[in-house]
Amino acid sequence: MRESRLEQYENLMEALVDHYLSVDSLAFACNMDCIAVNQRLGFLIKNGLVEEKKCHNKKLFALTKRGLSIHKTLAITRRMEKLRPLSKVIDDALLTLPRFDEQGVETRKRQNPNENY
């Protein structure tokens, strides 16, 4: 399935996290066409996420501080989305476990807070 533009932007930013890369290197790293890379870089530069630098008559691209912070935020969001199903399983497991008071006597099981609604 074809990647969305957002996924392409994320891939470009991921490739630029630790490196200064040229258009050709970015195209290879992201498995994209050079024309598409140029278009996506234009958008990222216009929005202040990527900067262009010249080094030995080559154009190299790197993330700005803003781009790096947005990349980190997206990475955290992706990790949290992966953990969401796990937290649901943990919540369900906690509802089924018996509860013991301080003397070790079993009391009623935890009630689901939304059970009456």
N, C-alpha and C. Protein backbone atom coordinates (compact mmCIF):
# COMPACT_ATOMS: atom_id res chain seq x y z
N MET A 1 0.83 -1.18 0.00
CA MET A 1 0.00 0.00 0.00
C MET A 1 0.88 1.24 0.00
N ARG A 2 0.44 2.26 -0.69
CA ARG A 2 1.20 3.49 -0.83
C ARG A 2 1.18 4.29 0.48
N GLU A 3 2.31 4.92 0.79
CA GLU A 3 2.41 5.73 1.99
C GLU A 3 1.66 7.04 1.83
N SER A 4 1.09 7.54 2.91
CA SER A 4 0.46 8.85 2.88
C SER A 4 1.56 9.92 2.95
N ARG A 5 1.17 11.15 2.70
CA ARG A 5 2.15 12.24 2.79
C ARG A 5 2.70 12.38 4.20
N LEU A 6 1.82 12.22 5.17
CA LEU A 6 2.27 12.32 6.56
C LEU A 6 3.33 11.26 6.86
N GLU A 7 3.12 10.05 6.39
CA GLU A 7 4.12 8.99 6.60
C GLU A 7 5.42 9.32 5.87
N GLN A 8 5.33 9.92 4.70
CA GLN A 8 6.54 10.32 3.97
C GLN A 8 7.29 11.41 4.73
N TYR A 9 6.55 12.38 5.29
CA TYR A 9 7.19 13.43 6.09
C TYR A 9 7.88 12.81 7.30
N GLU A 10 7.19 11.88 7.95
CA GLU A 10 7.77 11.22 9.12
C GLU A 10 9.03 10.45 8.74
N ASN A 11 9.01 9.75 7.62
CA ASN A 11 10.19 8.99 7.17
C ASN A 11 11.37 9.92 6.89
N LEU A 12 11.09 11.04 6.23
CA LEU A 12 12.16 12.00 5.95
C LEU A 12 12.76 12.55 7.24
N MET A 13 11.89 12.89 8.18
CA MET A 13 12.38 13.43 9.45
C MET A 13 13.16 12.37 10.23
N GLU A 14 12.71 11.13 10.16
CA GLU A 14 13.42 10.03 10.82
C GLU A 14 14.82 9.87 10.24
N ALA A 15 14.94 9.98 8.92
CA ALA A 15 16.24 9.83 8.26
C ALA A 15 17.18 10.99 8.62
N LEU A 16 16.61 12.16 8.90
CA LEU A 16 17.42 13.34 9.17
C LEU A 16 17.73 13.55 10.65
N VAL A 17 17.31 12.67 11.51
CA VAL A 17 17.50 12.86 12.95
C VAL A 17 18.98 13.00 13.30
N ASP A 18 19.81 12.12 12.84
CA ASP A 18 21.22 12.12 13.23
C ASP A 18 22.18 12.51 12.12
N HIS A 19 21.67 12.78 10.92
CA HIS A 19 22.56 12.96 9.78
C HIS A 19 22.18 14.20 8.96
N TYR A 20 23.18 14.75 8.31
CA TYR A 20 22.97 15.71 7.23
C TYR A 20 22.95 14.87 5.95
N LEU A 21 21.87 14.95 5.19
CA LEU A 21 21.77 14.12 3.99
C LEU A 21 21.41 14.95 2.77
N SER A 22 21.86 14.46 1.61
CA SER A 22 21.49 15.09 0.35
C SER A 22 20.16 14.51 -0.12
N VAL A 23 19.62 15.07 -1.18
CA VAL A 23 18.35 14.59 -1.73
C VAL A 23 18.48 13.13 -2.17
N ASP A 24 19.58 12.80 -2.84
CA ASP A 24 19.78 11.41 -3.28
C ASP A 24 19.84 10.44 -2.11
N SER A 25 20.57 10.83 -1.07
CA SER A 25 20.68 9.97 0.11
C SER A 25 19.33 9.80 0.80
N LEU A 26 18.57 10.89 0.87
CA LEU A 26 17.24 10.81 1.46
C LEU A 26 16.32 9.91 0.64
N ALA A 27 16.39 10.05 -0.67
CA ALA A 27 15.55 9.22 -1.54
C ALA A 27 15.87 7.75 -1.34
N PHE A 28 17.15 7.42 -1.21
CA PHE A 28 17.54 6.04 -1.00
C PHE A 28 17.10 5.55 0.39
N ALA A 29 17.31 6.39 1.42
CA ALA A 29 16.98 5.99 2.79
C ALA A 29 15.47 5.81 2.98
N CYS A 30 14.68 6.62 2.28
CA CYS A 30 13.23 6.58 2.46
C CYS A 30 12.52 5.80 1.36
N ASN A 31 13.28 5.27 0.42
CA ASN A 31 12.70 4.51 -0.69
C ASN A 31 11.65 5.34 -1.44
N MET A 32 12.06 6.56 -1.80
CA MET A 32 11.18 7.50 -2.50
C MET A 32 11.87 8.01 -3.75
N ASP A 33 11.10 8.60 -4.62
CA ASP A 33 11.60 9.24 -5.82
C ASP A 33 12.21 10.59 -5.45
N CYS A 34 13.27 11.00 -6.15
CA CYS A 34 13.94 12.27 -5.84
C CYS A 34 13.00 13.47 -6.00
N ILE A 35 12.12 13.41 -6.97
CA ILE A 35 11.17 14.51 -7.18
C ILE A 35 10.23 14.63 -5.99
N ALA A 36 9.74 13.49 -5.50
CA ALA A 36 8.86 13.50 -4.33
C ALA A 36 9.62 14.00 -3.10
N VAL A 37 10.87 13.59 -2.96
CA VAL A 37 11.68 14.05 -1.82
C VAL A 37 11.83 15.56 -1.88
N ASN A 38 12.11 16.12 -3.06
CA ASN A 38 12.23 17.58 -3.21
C ASN A 38 10.94 18.28 -2.81
N GLN A 39 9.81 17.74 -3.23
CA GLN A 39 8.52 18.35 -2.89
C GLN A 39 8.28 18.31 -1.39
N ARG A 40 8.53 17.17 -0.78
CA ARG A 40 8.31 17.03 0.67
C ARG A 40 9.28 17.91 1.44
N LEU A 41 10.53 17.99 0.99
CA LEU A 41 11.51 18.86 1.66
C LEU A 41 11.10 20.32 1.56
N GLY A 42 10.55 20.71 0.42
CA GLY A 42 10.08 22.09 0.26
C GLY A 42 9.04 22.45 1.31
N PHE A 43 8.12 21.54 1.54
CA PHE A 43 7.09 21.76 2.56
C PHE A 43 7.71 21.84 3.96
N LEU A 44 8.63 20.91 4.25
CA LEU A 44 9.25 20.89 5.58
C LEU A 44 10.11 22.13 5.82
N ILE A 45 10.78 22.61 4.78
CA ILE A 45 11.60 23.83 4.90
C ILE A 45 10.70 25.04 5.11
N LYS A 46 9.62 25.10 4.34
CA LYS A 46 8.69 26.22 4.45
C LYS A 46 8.09 26.33 5.84
N ASN A 47 7.90 25.21 6.50
CA ASN A 47 7.32 25.20 7.84
C ASN A 47 8.36 25.19 8.96
N GLY A 48 9.63 25.34 8.60
CA GLY A 48 10.68 25.49 9.60
C GLY A 48 11.10 24.22 10.31
N LEU A 49 10.85 23.05 9.70
CA LEU A 49 11.22 21.79 10.32
C LEU A 49 12.56 21.27 9.83
N VAL A 50 12.94 21.67 8.63
CA VAL A 50 14.19 21.23 8.01
C VAL A 50 14.91 22.47 7.50
N GLU A 51 16.23 22.43 7.58
CA GLU A 51 17.04 23.53 7.04
C GLU A 51 17.99 22.99 5.99
N GLU A 52 18.33 23.85 5.05
CA GLU A 52 19.25 23.48 3.96
C GLU A 52 20.61 24.10 4.25
N LYS A 53 21.65 23.30 4.12
CA LYS A 53 23.01 23.80 4.32
C LYS A 53 23.84 23.43 3.11
N LYS A 54 24.82 24.28 2.79
CA LYS A 54 25.72 23.99 1.68
C LYS A 54 27.07 23.56 2.24
N CYS A 55 27.56 22.46 1.73
CA CYS A 55 28.85 21.94 2.17
C CYS A 55 29.56 21.36 0.96
N HIS A 56 30.69 21.95 0.58
CA HIS A 56 31.46 21.50 -0.59
C HIS A 56 30.59 21.45 -1.84
N ASN A 57 29.87 22.53 -2.09
CA ASN A 57 28.99 22.68 -3.26
C ASN A 57 27.89 21.63 -3.33
N LYS A 58 27.53 21.05 -2.20
CA LYS A 58 26.41 20.11 -2.13
C LYS A 58 25.37 20.68 -1.20
N LYS A 59 24.11 20.45 -1.53
CA LYS A 59 23.02 20.83 -0.64
C LYS A 59 22.74 19.67 0.31
N LEU A 60 22.88 19.95 1.58
CA LEU A 60 22.58 18.95 2.60
C LEU A 60 21.43 19.46 3.45
N PHE A 61 20.65 18.54 3.98
CA PHE A 61 19.48 18.90 4.75
C PHE A 61 19.58 18.31 6.15
N ALA A 62 19.05 19.06 7.13
CA ALA A 62 19.08 18.62 8.52
C ALA A 62 17.83 19.13 9.22
N LEU A 63 17.47 18.48 10.32
CA LEU A 63 16.33 18.93 11.11
C LEU A 63 16.71 20.17 11.91
N THR A 64 15.76 21.07 12.06
CA THR A 64 15.93 22.21 12.95
C THR A 64 15.53 21.75 14.36
N LYS A 65 15.68 22.64 15.34
CA LYS A 65 15.26 22.30 16.70
C LYS A 65 13.76 22.03 16.74
N ARG A 66 13.02 22.82 16.00
CA ARG A 66 11.57 22.62 15.93
C ARG A 66 11.24 21.27 15.31
N GLY A 67 11.93 20.93 14.23
CA GLY A 67 11.72 19.65 13.58
C GLY A 67 12.06 18.48 14.49
N LEU A 68 13.13 18.62 15.25
CA LEU A 68 13.53 17.56 16.17
C LEU A 68 12.49 17.37 17.27
N SER A 69 11.96 18.47 17.80
CA SER A 69 10.95 18.35 18.85
C SER A 69 9.66 17.73 18.32
N ILE A 70 9.28 18.07 17.10
CA ILE A 70 8.08 17.47 16.51
C ILE A 70 8.32 15.99 16.24
N HIS A 71 9.51 15.64 15.79
CA HIS A 71 9.83 14.23 15.56
C HIS A 71 9.74 13.44 16.86
N LYS A 72 10.26 13.98 17.95
CA LYS A 72 10.20 13.30 19.25
C LYS A 72 8.76 13.14 19.71
N THR A 73 7.94 14.17 19.50
CA THR A 73 6.53 14.10 19.89
C THR A 73 5.82 13.00 19.10
N LEU A 74 6.08 12.92 17.81
CA LEU A 74 5.46 11.88 16.99
C LEU A 74 5.91 10.49 17.43
N ALA A 75 7.18 10.35 17.79
CA ALA A 75 7.70 9.06 18.24
C ALA A 75 7.04 8.64 19.55
N ILE A 76 6.85 9.57 20.47
CA ILE A 76 6.19 9.26 21.74
C ILE A 76 4.73 8.87 21.49
N THR A 77 4.08 9.58 20.59
CA THR A 77 2.68 9.27 20.27
C THR A 77 2.56 7.87 19.69
N ARG A 78 3.48 7.49 18.81
CA ARG A 78 3.44 6.14 18.24
C ARG A 78 3.62 5.08 19.32
N ARG A 79 4.55 5.33 20.25
CA ARG A 79 4.76 4.37 21.34
C ARG A 79 3.53 4.25 22.23
N MET A 80 2.89 5.37 22.52
CA MET A 80 1.69 5.36 23.36
C MET A 80 0.55 4.60 22.68
N GLU A 81 0.42 4.75 21.37
CA GLU A 81 -0.62 4.03 20.64
C GLU A 81 -0.40 2.52 20.70
N LYS A 82 0.85 2.10 20.71
CA LYS A 82 1.15 0.67 20.82
C LYS A 82 0.81 0.14 22.20
N LEU A 83 0.93 0.99 23.23
CA LEU A 83 0.67 0.57 24.60
C LEU A 83 -0.81 0.61 24.97
N ARG A 84 -1.63 1.30 24.21
CA ARG A 84 -3.04 1.46 24.54
C ARG A 84 -3.75 0.12 24.71
N PRO A 85 -3.63 -0.84 23.79
CA PRO A 85 -4.31 -2.13 24.00
C PRO A 85 -3.83 -2.85 25.26
N LEU A 86 -2.56 -2.69 25.58
CA LEU A 86 -2.01 -3.34 26.77
C LEU A 86 -2.62 -2.76 28.04
N SER A 87 -2.83 -1.46 28.09
CA SER A 87 -3.42 -0.85 29.28
C SER A 87 -4.85 -1.32 29.48
N LYS A 88 -5.59 -1.55 28.40
CA LYS A 88 -6.95 -2.08 28.50
C LYS A 88 -6.93 -3.47 29.10
N VAL A 89 -6.00 -4.31 28.70
CA VAL A 89 -5.88 -5.67 29.24
C VAL A 89 -5.54 -5.62 30.73
N ILE A 90 -4.65 -4.72 31.12
CA ILE A 90 -4.26 -4.60 32.52
C ILE A 90 -5.45 -4.13 33.36
N ASP A 91 -6.20 -3.15 32.87
CA ASP A 91 -7.38 -2.68 33.59
C ASP A 91 -8.39 -3.80 33.78
N ASP A 92 -8.64 -4.58 32.75
CA ASP A 92 -9.58 -5.70 32.85
C ASP A 92 -9.08 -6.74 33.85
N ALA A 93 -7.79 -7.01 33.86
CA ALA A 93 -7.23 -7.99 34.79
C ALA A 93 -7.36 -7.50 36.23
N LEU A 94 -7.16 -6.21 36.46
CA LEU A 94 -7.29 -5.68 37.81
C LEU A 94 -8.71 -5.77 38.33
N LEU A 95 -9.69 -5.67 37.44
CA LEU A 95 -11.08 -5.76 37.86
C LEU A 95 -11.46 -7.18 38.27
N THR A 96 -10.78 -8.18 37.76
CA THR A 96 -11.13 -9.56 38.07
C THR A 96 -10.38 -10.11 39.28
N LEU A 97 -9.33 -9.45 39.71
CA LEU A 97 -8.55 -9.92 40.86
C LEU A 97 -9.28 -9.65 42.16
N PRO A 98 -9.21 -10.58 43.13
CA PRO A 98 -9.80 -10.31 44.44
C PRO A 98 -8.96 -9.29 45.19
N ARG A 99 -9.61 -8.60 46.09
CA ARG A 99 -8.93 -7.56 46.85
C ARG A 99 -8.79 -8.02 48.30
N PHE A 100 -7.62 -7.84 48.89
CA PHE A 100 -7.37 -8.23 50.28
C PHE A 100 -7.19 -6.99 51.12
N ASP A 101 -7.77 -7.01 52.33
CA ASP A 101 -7.55 -5.88 53.22
C ASP A 101 -6.21 -6.07 53.95
N GLU A 102 -5.91 -5.21 54.91
CA GLU A 102 -4.59 -5.25 55.56
C GLU A 102 -4.35 -6.52 56.35
N GLN A 103 -5.41 -7.19 56.84
CA GLN A 103 -5.24 -8.42 57.59
C GLN A 103 -5.17 -9.64 56.68
N GLY A 104 -5.25 -9.46 55.38
CA GLY A 104 -5.17 -10.58 54.45
C GLY A 104 -6.51 -11.25 54.20
N VAL A 105 -7.60 -10.61 54.63
CA VAL A 105 -8.93 -11.17 54.42
C VAL A 105 -9.45 -10.68 53.08
N GLU A 106 -9.96 -11.63 52.30
CA GLU A 106 -10.47 -11.28 50.97
C GLU A 106 -11.76 -10.51 51.11
N THR A 107 -11.85 -9.40 50.38
CA THR A 107 -13.09 -8.61 50.36
C THR A 107 -13.70 -8.72 48.98
N ARG A 108 -14.77 -7.96 48.76
CA ARG A 108 -15.44 -7.99 47.45
C ARG A 108 -14.48 -7.63 46.33
N LYS A 109 -14.75 -8.19 45.17
CA LYS A 109 -13.94 -7.84 44.00
C LYS A 109 -14.20 -6.38 43.65
N ARG A 110 -13.22 -5.78 42.99
CA ARG A 110 -13.36 -4.38 42.58
C ARG A 110 -14.53 -4.24 41.64
N GLN A 111 -15.26 -3.19 41.83
CA GLN A 111 -16.39 -2.91 40.95
C GLN A 111 -15.89 -2.11 39.75
N ASN A 112 -16.45 -2.41 38.61
CA ASN A 112 -16.15 -1.61 37.42
C ASN A 112 -16.80 -0.25 37.63
N PRO A 113 -16.04 0.88 37.55
CA PRO A 113 -16.62 2.20 37.82
C PRO A 113 -17.77 2.54 36.88
N ASN A 114 -17.82 1.98 35.71
CA ASN A 114 -18.88 2.30 34.73
C ASN A 114 -19.94 1.21 34.67
N GLU A 115 -19.96 0.33 35.65
CA GLU A 115 -20.84 -0.82 35.61
C GLU A 115 -22.31 -0.43 35.69
N ASN A 116 -22.64 0.62 36.41
CA ASN A 116 -24.04 1.01 36.61
C ASN A 116 -24.56 1.91 35.51
N TYR A 117 -23.77 2.24 34.56
CA TYR A 117 -24.21 3.19 33.52
C TYR A 117 -24.51 2.53 32.23
